[in-house]
Amino acid sequence: MERAFIFTGKVNGKESYQLLVNLSYVFRTYDGTEERAASYEEISDVFARTILKQHSNLELGIMNGYSINPETIEMKEIPKLEEAYVSQLKEAIRTKLISLAPRLTYPVYSRKKGNNNGIN
């Protein structure tokens, strides 16, 4: 199974959010000048759309306290974000993935009373 990674942490007084999936790299920051919910809405939308473009099942991991150089794929340790913020971001991305993912449809069968085909 392929993997996508979200790297979170603090860099130069800002919160850093990076997504690396296959050859796609997305970087966003949050500096506190706007409401966190609005920022997470934008970050989760961009990350979810990038993930869904991969057209494959992905295992998604979040690495809090790390940053990645997209050119060298070298990770470095940075100060962690508060776990509550990481949890909020995970939930925002999960919700966005569910809302944007193509809907699967399944046939619906119904049984008429008295026609149980041997099923009790």
PDB file of N, CA and C in Angstrom:
ATOM      1  N   MET A   1       0.839  -1.171   0.000  1.00  0.00           N
ATOM      2  CA  MET A   1       0.000   0.000   0.000  1.00  0.00           C
ATOM      3  C   MET A   1       0.888   1.239   0.000  1.00  0.00           C
ATOM      4  N   GLU A   2       0.515   2.204  -0.793  1.00  0.00           N
ATOM      5  CA  GLU A   2       1.266   3.462  -0.843  1.00  0.00           C
ATOM      6  C   GLU A   2       0.941   4.299   0.378  1.00  0.00           C
ATOM      7  N   ARG A   3       1.823   5.229   0.653  1.00  0.00           N
ATOM      8  CA  ARG A   3       1.649   6.055   1.847  1.00  0.00           C
ATOM      9  C   ARG A   3       1.678   7.532   1.506  1.00  0.00           C
ATOM     10  N   ALA A   4       0.949   8.287   2.311  1.00  0.00           N
ATOM     11  CA  ALA A   4       1.000   9.747   2.289  1.00  0.00           C
ATOM     12  C   ALA A   4       1.391  10.176   3.695  1.00  0.00           C
ATOM     13  N   PHE A   5       2.199  11.207   3.795  1.00  0.00           N
ATOM     14  CA  PHE A   5       2.650  11.684   5.088  1.00  0.00           C
ATOM     15  C   PHE A   5       2.323  13.156   5.253  1.00  0.00           C
ATOM     16  N   ILE A   6       1.846  13.492   6.446  1.00  0.00           N
ATOM     17  CA  ILE A   6       1.654  14.887   6.823  1.00  0.00           C
ATOM     18  C   ILE A   6       2.659  15.166   7.934  1.00  0.00           C
ATOM     19  N   PHE A   7       3.454  16.199   7.736  1.00  0.00           N
ATOM     20  CA  PHE A   7       4.461  16.605   8.709  1.00  0.00           C
ATOM     21  C   PHE A   7       3.980  17.899   9.354  1.00  0.00           C
ATOM     22  N   THR A   8       3.964  17.930  10.678  1.00  0.00           N
ATOM     23  CA  THR A   8       3.505  19.116  11.392  1.00  0.00           C
ATOM     24  C   THR A   8       4.544  19.527  12.419  1.00  0.00           C
ATOM     25  N   GLY A   9       4.554  20.806  12.731  1.00  0.00           N
ATOM     26  CA  GLY A   9       5.464  21.317  13.743  1.00  0.00           C
ATOM     27  C   GLY A   9       5.522  22.826  13.701  1.00  0.00           C
ATOM     28  N   LYS A  10       6.467  23.374  14.428  1.00  0.00           N
ATOM     29  CA  LYS A  10       6.635  24.825  14.491  1.00  0.00           C
ATOM     30  C   LYS A  10       7.978  25.213  13.880  1.00  0.00           C
ATOM     31  N   VAL A  11       7.922  26.204  12.973  1.00  0.00           N
ATOM     32  CA  VAL A  11       9.126  26.706  12.324  1.00  0.00           C
ATOM     33  C   VAL A  11       9.066  28.228  12.319  1.00  0.00           C
ATOM     34  N   ASN A  12      10.071  28.866  12.878  1.00  0.00           N
ATOM     35  CA  ASN A  12      10.153  30.330  12.888  1.00  0.00           C
ATOM     36  C   ASN A  12       8.882  30.988  13.429  1.00  0.00           C
ATOM     37  N   GLY A  13       8.325  30.450  14.496  1.00  0.00           N
ATOM     38  CA  GLY A  13       7.156  31.033  15.126  1.00  0.00           C
ATOM     39  C   GLY A  13       5.831  30.762  14.425  1.00  0.00           C
ATOM     40  N   LYS A  14       5.849  29.965  13.373  1.00  0.00           N
ATOM     41  CA  LYS A  14       4.627  29.609  12.646  1.00  0.00           C
ATOM     42  C   LYS A  14       4.419  28.104  12.711  1.00  0.00           C
ATOM     43  N   GLU A  15       3.158  27.711  12.572  1.00  0.00           N
ATOM     44  CA  GLU A  15       2.854  26.290  12.486  1.00  0.00           C
ATOM     45  C   GLU A  15       3.063  25.847  11.043  1.00  0.00           C
ATOM     46  N   SER A  16       3.736  24.735  10.870  1.00  0.00           N
ATOM     47  CA  SER A  16       4.076  24.213   9.550  1.00  0.00           C
ATOM     48  C   SER A  16       3.280  22.947   9.281  1.00  0.00           C
ATOM     49  N   TYR A  17       2.688  22.881   8.081  1.00  0.00           N
ATOM     50  CA  TYR A  17       1.922  21.716   7.644  1.00  0.00           C
ATOM     51  C   TYR A  17       2.405  21.337   6.258  1.00  0.00           C
ATOM     52  N   GLN A  18       2.938  20.131   6.126  1.00  0.00           N
ATOM     53  CA  GLN A  18       3.446  19.654   4.848  1.00  0.00           C
ATOM     54  C   GLN A  18       2.792  18.318   4.520  1.00  0.00           C
ATOM     55  N   LEU A  19       2.433  18.145   3.259  1.00  0.00           N
ATOM     56  CA  LEU A  19       1.899  16.875   2.775  1.00  0.00           C
ATOM     57  C   LEU A  19       2.831  16.355   1.704  1.00  0.00           C
ATOM     58  N   LEU A  20       3.244  15.107   1.840  1.00  0.00           N
ATOM     59  CA  LEU A  20       4.065  14.446   0.826  1.00  0.00           C
ATOM     60  C   LEU A  20       3.365  13.157   0.442  1.00  0.00           C
ATOM     61  N   VAL A  21       2.972  13.067  -0.824  1.00  0.00           N
ATOM     62  CA  VAL A  21       2.317  11.864  -1.327  1.00  0.00           C
ATOM     63  C   VAL A  21       2.830  11.627  -2.748  1.00  0.00           C
ATOM     64  N   ASN A  22       3.478  10.481  -2.914  1.00  0.00           N
ATOM     65  CA  ASN A  22       4.144  10.167  -4.180  1.00  0.00           C
ATOM     66  C   ASN A  22       5.031  11.342  -4.575  1.00  0.00           C
ATOM     67  N   LEU A  23       4.798  11.948  -5.722  1.00  0.00           N
ATOM     68  CA  LEU A  23       5.630  13.073  -6.156  1.00  0.00           C
ATOM     69  C   LEU A  23       4.978  14.421  -5.873  1.00  0.00           C
ATOM     70  N   SER A  24       3.865  14.429  -5.175  1.00  0.00           N
ATOM     71  CA  SER A  24       3.168  15.672  -4.848  1.00  0.00           C
ATOM     72  C   SER A  24       3.595  16.175  -3.478  1.00  0.00           C
ATOM     73  N   TYR A  25       3.849  17.465  -3.406  1.00  0.00           N
ATOM     74  CA  TYR A  25       4.245  18.104  -2.159  1.00  0.00           C
ATOM     75  C   TYR A  25       3.423  19.374  -1.995  1.00  0.00           C
ATOM     76  N   VAL A  26       2.827  19.539  -0.829  1.00  0.00           N
ATOM     77  CA  VAL A  26       2.033  20.733  -0.525  1.00  0.00           C
ATOM     78  C   VAL A  26       2.496  21.261   0.824  1.00  0.00           C
ATOM     79  N   PHE A  27       2.644  22.575   0.913  1.00  0.00           N
ATOM     80  CA  PHE A  27       3.128  23.206   2.132  1.00  0.00           C
ATOM     81  C   PHE A  27       2.198  24.355   2.509  1.00  0.00           C
ATOM     82  N   ARG A  28       1.790  24.397   3.767  1.00  0.00           N
ATOM     83  CA  ARG A  28       0.964  25.478   4.284  1.00  0.00           C
ATOM     84  C   ARG A  28       1.475  25.851   5.670  1.00  0.00           C
ATOM     85  N   THR A  29       1.242  27.111   6.049  1.00  0.00           N
ATOM     86  CA  THR A  29       1.598  27.561   7.389  1.00  0.00           C
ATOM     87  C   THR A  29       0.389  28.238   8.030  1.00  0.00           C
ATOM     88  N   TYR A  30       0.443  28.307   9.338  1.00  0.00           N
ATOM     89  CA  TYR A  30      -0.568  29.036  10.107  1.00  0.00           C
ATOM     90  C   TYR A  30       0.182  29.930  11.075  1.00  0.00           C
ATOM     91  N   ASP A  31      -0.099  31.233  10.988  1.00  0.00           N
ATOM     92  CA  ASP A  31       0.626  32.178  11.838  1.00  0.00           C
ATOM     93  C   ASP A  31      -0.238  32.826  12.919  1.00  0.00           C
ATOM     94  N   GLY A  32      -1.489  32.409  13.019  1.00  0.00           N
ATOM     95  CA  GLY A  32      -2.356  32.923  14.064  1.00  0.00           C
ATOM     96  C   GLY A  32      -3.096  34.195  13.715  1.00  0.00           C
ATOM     97  N   THR A  33      -2.910  34.725  12.509  1.00  0.00           N
ATOM     98  CA  THR A  33      -3.581  35.970  12.147  1.00  0.00           C
ATOM     99  C   THR A  33      -5.039  35.771  11.758  1.00  0.00           C
ATOM    100  N   GLU A  34      -5.416  34.569  11.432  1.00  0.00           N
ATOM    101  CA  GLU A  34      -6.814  34.276  11.125  1.00  0.00           C
ATOM    102  C   GLU A  34      -7.312  33.186  12.068  1.00  0.00           C
ATOM    103  N   GLU A  35      -8.602  32.964  12.042  1.00  0.00           N
ATOM    104  CA  GLU A  35      -9.188  31.934  12.899  1.00  0.00           C
ATOM    105  C   GLU A  35      -8.655  30.558  12.500  1.00  0.00           C
ATOM    106  N   ARG A  36      -8.315  29.755  13.488  1.00  0.00           N
ATOM    107  CA  ARG A  36      -7.753  28.428  13.228  1.00  0.00           C
ATOM    108  C   ARG A  36      -8.697  27.568  12.390  1.00  0.00           C
ATOM    109  N   ALA A  37      -9.989  27.613  12.686  1.00  0.00           N
ATOM    110  CA  ALA A  37     -10.958  26.788  11.945  1.00  0.00           C
ATOM    111  C   ALA A  37     -10.942  27.128  10.458  1.00  0.00           C
ATOM    112  N   ALA A  38     -10.842  28.402  10.121  1.00  0.00           N
ATOM    113  CA  ALA A  38     -10.797  28.813   8.705  1.00  0.00           C
ATOM    114  C   ALA A  38      -9.507  28.336   8.052  1.00  0.00           C
ATOM    115  N   SER A  39      -8.409  28.418   8.778  1.00  0.00           N
ATOM    116  CA  SER A  39      -7.132  27.952   8.249  1.00  0.00           C
ATOM    117  C   SER A  39      -7.152  26.444   8.033  1.00  0.00           C
ATOM    118  N   TYR A  40      -7.689  25.699   9.011  1.00  0.00           N
ATOM    119  CA  TYR A  40      -7.765  24.244   8.877  1.00  0.00           C
ATOM    120  C   TYR A  40      -8.717  23.836   7.756  1.00  0.00           C
ATOM    121  N   GLU A  41      -9.746  24.619   7.516  1.00  0.00           N
ATOM    122  CA  GLU A  41     -10.653  24.342   6.393  1.00  0.00           C
ATOM    123  C   GLU A  41      -9.878  24.409   5.073  1.00  0.00           C
ATOM    124  N   GLU A  42      -9.056  25.437   4.921  1.00  0.00           N
ATOM    125  CA  GLU A  42      -8.273  25.597   3.689  1.00  0.00           C
ATOM    126  C   GLU A  42      -7.212  24.505   3.580  1.00  0.00           C
ATOM    127  N   ILE A  43      -6.495  24.240   4.664  1.00  0.00           N
ATOM    128  CA  ILE A  43      -5.446  23.215   4.651  1.00  0.00           C
ATOM    129  C   ILE A  43      -6.047  21.844   4.356  1.00  0.00           C
ATOM    130  N   SER A  44      -7.135  21.500   5.026  1.00  0.00           N
ATOM    131  CA  SER A  44      -7.742  20.180   4.822  1.00  0.00           C
ATOM    132  C   SER A  44      -8.281  20.034   3.407  1.00  0.00           C
ATOM    133  N   ASP A  45      -8.808  21.103   2.835  1.00  0.00           N
ATOM    134  CA  ASP A  45      -9.317  21.050   1.458  1.00  0.00           C
ATOM    135  C   ASP A  45      -8.185  20.775   0.472  1.00  0.00           C
ATOM    136  N   VAL A  46      -7.109  21.514   0.596  1.00  0.00           N
ATOM    137  CA  VAL A  46      -5.959  21.335  -0.310  1.00  0.00           C
ATOM    138  C   VAL A  46      -5.341  19.947  -0.128  1.00  0.00           C
ATOM    139  N   PHE A  47      -5.139  19.525   1.109  1.00  0.00           N
ATOM    140  CA  PHE A  47      -4.546  18.216   1.364  1.00  0.00           C
ATOM    141  C   PHE A  47      -5.455  17.095   0.858  1.00  0.00           C
ATOM    142  N   ALA A  48      -6.746  17.168   1.133  1.00  0.00           N
ATOM    143  CA  ALA A  48      -7.677  16.111   0.711  1.00  0.00           C
ATOM    144  C   ALA A  48      -7.732  16.013  -0.814  1.00  0.00           C
ATOM    145  N   ARG A  49      -7.793  17.147  -1.490  1.00  0.00           N
ATOM    146  CA  ARG A  49      -7.833  17.126  -2.966  1.00  0.00           C
ATOM    147  C   ARG A  49      -6.546  16.531  -3.541  1.00  0.00           C
ATOM    148  N   THR A  50      -5.415  16.855  -2.932  1.00  0.00           N
ATOM    149  CA  THR A  50      -4.141  16.294  -3.397  1.00  0.00           C
ATOM    150  C   THR A  50      -4.113  14.782  -3.174  1.00  0.00           C
ATOM    151  N   ILE A  51      -4.579  14.328  -2.025  1.00  0.00           N
ATOM    152  CA  ILE A  51      -4.617  12.891  -1.727  1.00  0.00           C
ATOM    153  C   ILE A  51      -5.535  12.167  -2.700  1.00  0.00           C
ATOM    154  N   LEU A  52      -6.717  12.724  -2.958  1.00  0.00           N
ATOM    155  CA  LEU A  52      -7.686  12.063  -3.836  1.00  0.00           C
ATOM    156  C   LEU A  52      -7.227  12.005  -5.290  1.00  0.00           C
ATOM    157  N   LYS A  53      -6.365  12.905  -5.699  1.00  0.00           N
ATOM    158  CA  LYS A  53      -5.836  12.891  -7.068  1.00  0.00           C
ATOM    159  C   LYS A  53      -4.954  11.674  -7.328  1.00  0.00           C
ATOM    160  N   GLN A  54      -4.508  11.004  -6.284  1.00  0.00           N
ATOM    161  CA  GLN A  54      -3.592   9.874  -6.446  1.00  0.00           C
ATOM    162  C   GLN A  54      -4.290   8.623  -6.976  1.00  0.00           C
ATOM    163  N   HIS A  55      -5.602   8.566  -6.871  1.00  0.00           N
ATOM    164  CA  HIS A  55      -6.384   7.448  -7.405  1.00  0.00           C
ATOM    165  C   HIS A  55      -5.892   6.082  -6.918  1.00  0.00           C
ATOM    166  N   SER A  56      -5.456   6.026  -5.701  1.00  0.00           N
ATOM    167  CA  SER A  56      -5.052   4.735  -5.140  1.00  0.00           C
ATOM    168  C   SER A  56      -5.315   4.758  -3.639  1.00  0.00           C
ATOM    169  N   ASN A  57      -5.392   3.572  -3.064  1.00  0.00           N
ATOM    170  CA  ASN A  57      -5.550   3.495  -1.621  1.00  0.00           C
ATOM    171  C   ASN A  57      -4.250   3.925  -0.966  1.00  0.00           C
ATOM    172  N   LEU A  58      -4.375   4.827  -0.034  1.00  0.00           N
ATOM    173  CA  LEU A  58      -3.195   5.336   0.649  1.00  0.00           C
ATOM    174  C   LEU A  58      -3.330   5.150   2.147  1.00  0.00           C
ATOM    175  N   GLU A  59      -2.225   4.848   2.767  1.00  0.00           N
ATOM    176  CA  GLU A  59      -2.149   4.869   4.214  1.00  0.00           C
ATOM    177  C   GLU A  59      -1.648   6.260   4.577  1.00  0.00           C
ATOM    178  N   LEU A  60      -2.367   6.946   5.440  1.00  0.00           N
ATOM    179  CA  LEU A  60      -2.030   8.324   5.792  1.00  0.00           C
ATOM    180  C   LEU A  60      -1.439   8.369   7.192  1.00  0.00           C
ATOM    181  N   GLY A  61      -0.244   8.928   7.292  1.00  0.00           N
ATOM    182  CA  GLY A  61       0.416   9.057   8.587  1.00  0.00           C
ATOM    183  C   GLY A  61       0.726  10.507   8.887  1.00  0.00           C
ATOM    184  N   ILE A  62       0.658  10.867  10.159  1.00  0.00           N
ATOM    185  CA  ILE A  62       1.005  12.219  10.585  1.00  0.00           C
ATOM    186  C   ILE A  62       2.222  12.131  11.485  1.00  0.00           C
ATOM    187  N   MET A  63       3.211  12.928  11.161  1.00  0.00           N
ATOM    188  CA  MET A  63       4.458  12.944  11.924  1.00  0.00           C
ATOM    189  C   MET A  63       4.596  14.331  12.554  1.00  0.00           C
ATOM    190  N   ASN A  64       4.199  14.403  13.818  1.00  0.00           N
ATOM    191  CA  ASN A  64       4.249  15.664  14.540  1.00  0.00           C
ATOM    192  C   ASN A  64       5.661  15.881  15.075  1.00  0.00           C
ATOM    193  N   GLY A  65       6.184  17.073  14.822  1.00  0.00           N
ATOM    194  CA  GLY A  65       7.530  17.391  15.289  1.00  0.00           C
ATOM    195  C   GLY A  65       8.599  17.144  14.249  1.00  0.00           C
ATOM    196  N   TYR A  66       8.171  17.053  12.982  1.00  0.00           N
ATOM    197  CA  TYR A  66       9.127  16.840  11.891  1.00  0.00           C
ATOM    198  C   TYR A  66       8.799  17.733  10.708  1.00  0.00           C
ATOM    199  N   SER A  67       9.839  18.065   9.980  1.00  0.00           N
ATOM    200  CA  SER A  67       9.723  18.805   8.728  1.00  0.00           C
ATOM    201  C   SER A  67      10.477  17.993   7.686  1.00  0.00           C
ATOM    202  N   ILE A  68      10.094  18.166   6.427  1.00  0.00           N
ATOM    203  CA  ILE A  68      10.767  17.420   5.366  1.00  0.00           C
ATOM    204  C   ILE A  68      11.197  18.369   4.267  1.00  0.00           C
ATOM    205  N   ASN A  69      12.379  18.112   3.734  1.00  0.00           N
ATOM    206  CA  ASN A  69      12.852  18.836   2.558  1.00  0.00           C
ATOM    207  C   ASN A  69      12.362  18.043   1.352  1.00  0.00           C
ATOM    208  N   PRO A  70      11.445  18.610   0.540  1.00  0.00           N
ATOM    209  CA  PRO A  70      10.868  17.836  -0.563  1.00  0.00           C
ATOM    210  C   PRO A  70      11.864  17.474  -1.667  1.00  0.00           C
ATOM    211  N   GLU A  71      12.969  18.190  -1.742  1.00  0.00           N
ATOM    212  CA  GLU A  71      13.955  17.892  -2.784  1.00  0.00           C
ATOM    213  C   GLU A  71      14.856  16.725  -2.416  1.00  0.00           C
ATOM    214  N   THR A  72      15.187  16.625  -1.135  1.00  0.00           N
ATOM    215  CA  THR A  72      16.101  15.567  -0.702  1.00  0.00           C
ATOM    216  C   THR A  72      15.388  14.466   0.085  1.00  0.00           C
ATOM    217  N   ILE A  73      14.136  14.693   0.447  1.00  0.00           N
ATOM    218  CA  ILE A  73      13.346  13.789   1.295  1.00  0.00           C
ATOM    219  C   ILE A  73      14.029  13.601   2.656  1.00  0.00           C
ATOM    220  N   GLU A  74      14.803  14.570   3.045  1.00  0.00           N
ATOM    221  CA  GLU A  74      15.469  14.528   4.343  1.00  0.00           C
ATOM    222  C   GLU A  74      14.552  15.129   5.405  1.00  0.00           C
ATOM    223  N   MET A  75      14.356  14.381   6.499  1.00  0.00           N
ATOM    224  CA  MET A  75      13.526  14.858   7.600  1.00  0.00           C
ATOM    225  C   MET A  75      14.417  15.479   8.664  1.00  0.00           C
ATOM    226  N   LYS A  76      13.851  16.516   9.302  1.00  0.00           N
ATOM    227  CA  LYS A  76      14.549  17.064  10.459  1.00  0.00           C
ATOM    228  C   LYS A  76      13.548  17.285  11.571  1.00  0.00           C
ATOM    229  N   GLU A  77      14.021  17.147  12.772  1.00  0.00           N
ATOM    230  CA  GLU A  77      13.165  17.308  13.934  1.00  0.00           C
ATOM    231  C   GLU A  77      12.966  18.792  14.216  1.00  0.00           C
ATOM    232  N   ILE A  78      11.698  19.155  14.506  1.00  0.00           N
ATOM    233  CA  ILE A  78      11.334  20.531  14.843  1.00  0.00           C
ATOM    234  C   ILE A  78      10.404  20.467  16.059  1.00  0.00           C
ATOM    235  N   PRO A  79      10.150  21.602  16.711  1.00  0.00           N
ATOM    236  CA  PRO A  79       9.219  21.570  17.848  1.00  0.00           C
ATOM    237  C   PRO A  79       7.830  21.067  17.425  1.00  0.00           C
ATOM    238  N   LYS A  80       7.227  20.269  18.293  1.00  0.00           N
ATOM    239  CA  LYS A  80       5.911  19.687  17.999  1.00  0.00           C
ATOM    240  C   LYS A  80       4.798  20.708  18.183  1.00  0.00           C
ATOM    241  N   LEU A  81       3.687  20.432  17.486  1.00  0.00           N
ATOM    242  CA  LEU A  81       2.443  21.158  17.738  1.00  0.00           C
ATOM    243  C   LEU A  81       1.737  20.512  18.919  1.00  0.00           C
ATOM    244  N   GLU A  82       0.854  21.254  19.548  1.00  0.00           N
ATOM    245  CA  GLU A  82       0.038  20.692  20.609  1.00  0.00           C
ATOM    246  C   GLU A  82      -0.816  19.576  20.010  1.00  0.00           C
ATOM    247  N   GLU A  83      -0.959  18.475  20.728  1.00  0.00           N
ATOM    248  CA  GLU A  83      -1.711  17.320  20.230  1.00  0.00           C
ATOM    249  C   GLU A  83      -3.152  17.673  19.885  1.00  0.00           C
ATOM    250  N   ALA A  84      -3.742  18.615  20.605  1.00  0.00           N
ATOM    251  CA  ALA A  84      -5.124  19.018  20.310  1.00  0.00           C
ATOM    252  C   ALA A  84      -5.223  19.592  18.892  1.00  0.00           C
ATOM    253  N   TYR A  85      -4.222  20.349  18.475  1.00  0.00           N
ATOM    254  CA  TYR A  85      -4.226  20.918  17.123  1.00  0.00           C
ATOM    255  C   TYR A  85      -4.052  19.828  16.069  1.00  0.00           C
ATOM    256  N   VAL A  86      -3.193  18.866  16.353  1.00  0.00           N
ATOM    257  CA  VAL A  86      -2.981  17.754  15.424  1.00  0.00           C
ATOM    258  C   VAL A  86      -4.276  16.956  15.283  1.00  0.00           C
ATOM    259  N   SER A  87      -4.955  16.724  16.379  1.00  0.00           N
ATOM    260  CA  SER A  87      -6.232  15.998  16.344  1.00  0.00           C
ATOM    261  C   SER A  87      -7.284  16.774  15.548  1.00  0.00           C
ATOM    262  N   GLN A  88      -7.339  18.083  15.730  1.00  0.00           N
ATOM    263  CA  GLN A  88      -8.284  18.914  14.968  1.00  0.00           C
ATOM    264  C   GLN A  88      -7.999  18.820  13.477  1.00  0.00           C
ATOM    265  N   LEU A  89      -6.727  18.871  13.122  1.00  0.00           N
ATOM    266  CA  LEU A  89      -6.360  18.790  11.706  1.00  0.00           C
ATOM    267  C   LEU A  89      -6.707  17.422  11.137  1.00  0.00           C
ATOM    268  N   LYS A  90      -6.405  16.350  11.869  1.00  0.00           N
ATOM    269  CA  LYS A  90      -6.745  14.996  11.401  1.00  0.00           C
ATOM    270  C   LYS A  90      -8.239  14.878  11.135  1.00  0.00           C
ATOM    271  N   GLU A  91      -9.041  15.376  12.047  1.00  0.00           N
ATOM    272  CA  GLU A  91     -10.497  15.300  11.887  1.00  0.00           C
ATOM    273  C   GLU A  91     -10.963  16.139  10.696  1.00  0.00           C
ATOM    274  N   ALA A  92     -10.380  17.312  10.515  1.00  0.00           N
ATOM    275  CA  ALA A  92     -10.753  18.167   9.380  1.00  0.00           C
ATOM    276  C   ALA A  92     -10.419  17.485   8.055  1.00  0.00           C
ATOM    277  N   ILE A  93      -9.257  16.844   7.976  1.00  0.00           N
ATOM    278  CA  ILE A  93      -8.855  16.153   6.741  1.00  0.00           C
ATOM    279  C   ILE A  93      -9.751  14.937   6.519  1.00  0.00           C
ATOM    280  N   ARG A  94     -10.028  14.163   7.561  1.00  0.00           N
ATOM    281  CA  ARG A  94     -10.901  12.990   7.437  1.00  0.00           C
ATOM    282  C   ARG A  94     -12.283  13.405   6.933  1.00  0.00           C
ATOM    283  N   THR A  95     -12.836  14.436   7.524  1.00  0.00           N
ATOM    284  CA  THR A  95     -14.157  14.923   7.120  1.00  0.00           C
ATOM    285  C   THR A  95     -14.141  15.393   5.671  1.00  0.00           C
ATOM    286  N   LYS A  96     -13.087  16.098   5.294  1.00  0.00           N
ATOM    287  CA  LYS A  96     -12.986  16.606   3.915  1.00  0.00           C
ATOM    288  C   LYS A  96     -12.829  15.461   2.928  1.00  0.00           C
ATOM    289  N   LEU A  97     -12.036  14.445   3.271  1.00  0.00           N
ATOM    290  CA  LEU A  97     -11.885  13.288   2.387  1.00  0.00           C
ATOM    291  C   LEU A  97     -13.223  12.581   2.171  1.00  0.00           C
ATOM    292  N   ILE A  98     -13.983  12.433   3.253  1.00  0.00           N
ATOM    293  CA  ILE A  98     -15.290  11.786   3.139  1.00  0.00           C
ATOM    294  C   ILE A  98     -16.221  12.605   2.249  1.00  0.00           C
ATOM    295  N   SER A  99     -16.210  13.919   2.414  1.00  0.00           N
ATOM    296  CA  SER A  99     -17.128  14.760   1.645  1.00  0.00           C
ATOM    297  C   SER A  99     -16.734  14.872   0.175  1.00  0.00           C
ATOM    298  N   LEU A 100     -15.449  14.741  -0.135  1.00  0.00           N
ATOM    299  CA  LEU A 100     -14.989  14.894  -1.517  1.00  0.00           C
ATOM    300  C   LEU A 100     -14.853  13.579  -2.274  1.00  0.00           C
ATOM    301  N   ALA A 101     -14.747  12.468  -1.552  1.00  0.00           N
ATOM    302  CA  ALA A 101     -14.521  11.167  -2.192  1.00  0.00           C
ATOM    303  C   ALA A 101     -15.713  10.784  -3.058  1.00  0.00           C
ATOM    304  N   PRO A 102     -15.435  10.130  -4.180  1.00  0.00           N
ATOM    305  CA  PRO A 102     -16.546   9.662  -5.014  1.00  0.00           C
ATOM    306  C   PRO A 102     -17.425   8.705  -4.220  1.00  0.00           C
ATOM    307  N   ARG A 103     -18.693   8.829  -4.430  1.00  0.00           N
ATOM    308  CA  ARG A 103     -19.648   7.969  -3.731  1.00  0.00           C
ATOM    309  C   ARG A 103     -19.743   6.623  -4.424  1.00  0.00           C
ATOM    310  N   LEU A 104     -19.717   5.572  -3.635  1.00  0.00           N
ATOM    311  CA  LEU A 104     -19.913   4.228  -4.155  1.00  0.00           C
ATOM    312  C   LEU A 104     -21.389   3.895  -4.060  1.00  0.00           C
ATOM    313  N   THR A 105     -21.909   3.310  -5.100  1.00  0.00           N
ATOM    314  CA  THR A 105     -23.315   2.931  -5.062  1.00  0.00           C
ATOM    315  C   THR A 105     -23.412   1.419  -5.120  1.00  0.00           C
ATOM    316  N   TYR A 106     -24.336   0.900  -4.392  1.00  0.00           N
ATOM    317  CA  TYR A 106     -24.560  -0.531  -4.338  1.00  0.00           C
ATOM    318  C   TYR A 106     -26.012  -0.806  -4.694  1.00  0.00           C
ATOM    319  N   PRO A 107     -26.271  -1.898  -5.372  1.00  0.00           N
ATOM    320  CA  PRO A 107     -27.669  -2.220  -5.660  1.00  0.00           C
ATOM    321  C   PRO A 107     -28.424  -2.518  -4.368  1.00  0.00           C
ATOM    322  N   VAL A 108     -29.651  -2.112  -4.341  1.00  0.00           N
ATOM    323  CA  VAL A 108     -30.482  -2.340  -3.170  1.00  0.00           C
ATOM    324  C   VAL A 108     -31.540  -3.361  -3.554  1.00  0.00           C
ATOM    325  N   TYR A 109     -31.623  -4.405  -2.772  1.00  0.00           N
ATOM    326  CA  TYR A 109     -32.601  -5.453  -3.024  1.00  0.00           C
ATOM    327  C   TYR A 109     -33.627  -5.431  -1.911  1.00  0.00           C
ATOM    328  N   SER A 110     -34.848  -5.701  -2.277  1.00  0.00           N
ATOM    329  CA  SER A 110     -35.877  -5.816  -1.243  1.00  0.00           C
ATOM    330  C   SER A 110     -36.598  -7.140  -1.426  1.00  0.00           C
ATOM    331  N   ARG A 111     -37.089  -7.661  -0.333  1.00  0.00           N
ATOM    332  CA  ARG A 111     -37.829  -8.910  -0.379  1.00  0.00           C
ATOM    333  C   ARG A 111     -39.296  -8.615  -0.178  1.00  0.00           C
ATOM    334  N   LYS A 112     -40.099  -9.274  -0.930  1.00  0.00           N
ATOM    335  CA  LYS A 112     -41.542  -9.172  -0.743  1.00  0.00           C
ATOM    336  C   LYS A 112     -41.946 -10.157   0.332  1.00  0.00           C
ATOM    337  N   LYS A 113     -42.909  -9.790   1.110  1.00  0.00           N
ATOM    338  CA  LYS A 113     -43.393 -10.654   2.177  1.00  0.00           C
ATOM    339  C   LYS A 113     -43.863 -11.971   1.599  1.00  0.00           C
ATOM    340  N   GLY A 114     -43.436 -13.051   2.209  1.00  0.00           N
ATOM    341  CA  GLY A 114     -43.830 -14.382   1.748  1.00  0.00           C
ATOM    342  C   GLY A 114     -42.902 -14.941   0.678  1.00  0.00           C
ATOM    343  N   ASN A 115     -41.935 -14.170   0.204  1.00  0.00           N
ATOM    344  CA  ASN A 115     -40.987 -14.657  -0.811  1.00  0.00           C
ATOM    345  C   ASN A 115     -39.591 -14.539  -0.224  1.00  0.00           C
ATOM    346  N   ASN A 116     -39.295 -15.450   0.699  1.00  0.00           N
ATOM    347  CA  ASN A 116     -37.998 -15.371   1.348  1.00  0.00           C
ATOM    348  C   ASN A 116     -36.971 -16.325   0.759  1.00  0.00           C
ATOM    349  N   ASN A 117     -37.309 -16.969  -0.329  1.00  0.00           N
ATOM    350  CA  ASN A 117     -36.394 -17.865  -1.029  1.00  0.00           C
ATOM    351  C   ASN A 117     -35.692 -18.845  -0.083  1.00  0.00           C
ATOM    352  N   GLY A 118     -36.465 -19.370   0.867  1.00  0.00           N
ATOM    353  CA  GLY A 118     -35.899 -20.347   1.783  1.00  0.00           C
ATOM    354  C   GLY A 118     -35.160 -19.746   2.946  1.00  0.00           C
ATOM    355  N   ILE A 119     -35.129 -18.400   3.040  1.00  0.00           N
ATOM    356  CA  ILE A 119     -34.437 -17.757   4.146  1.00  0.00           C
ATOM    357  C   ILE A 119     -35.455 -17.438   5.218  1.00  0.00           C
ATOM    358  N   ASN A 120     -35.209 -17.868   6.426  1.00  0.00           N
ATOM    359  CA  ASN A 120     -36.131 -17.598   7.544  1.00  0.00           C
ATOM    360  C   ASN A 120     -35.714 -16.384   8.299  1.00  0.00           C
TER     361      ASN A 120
END
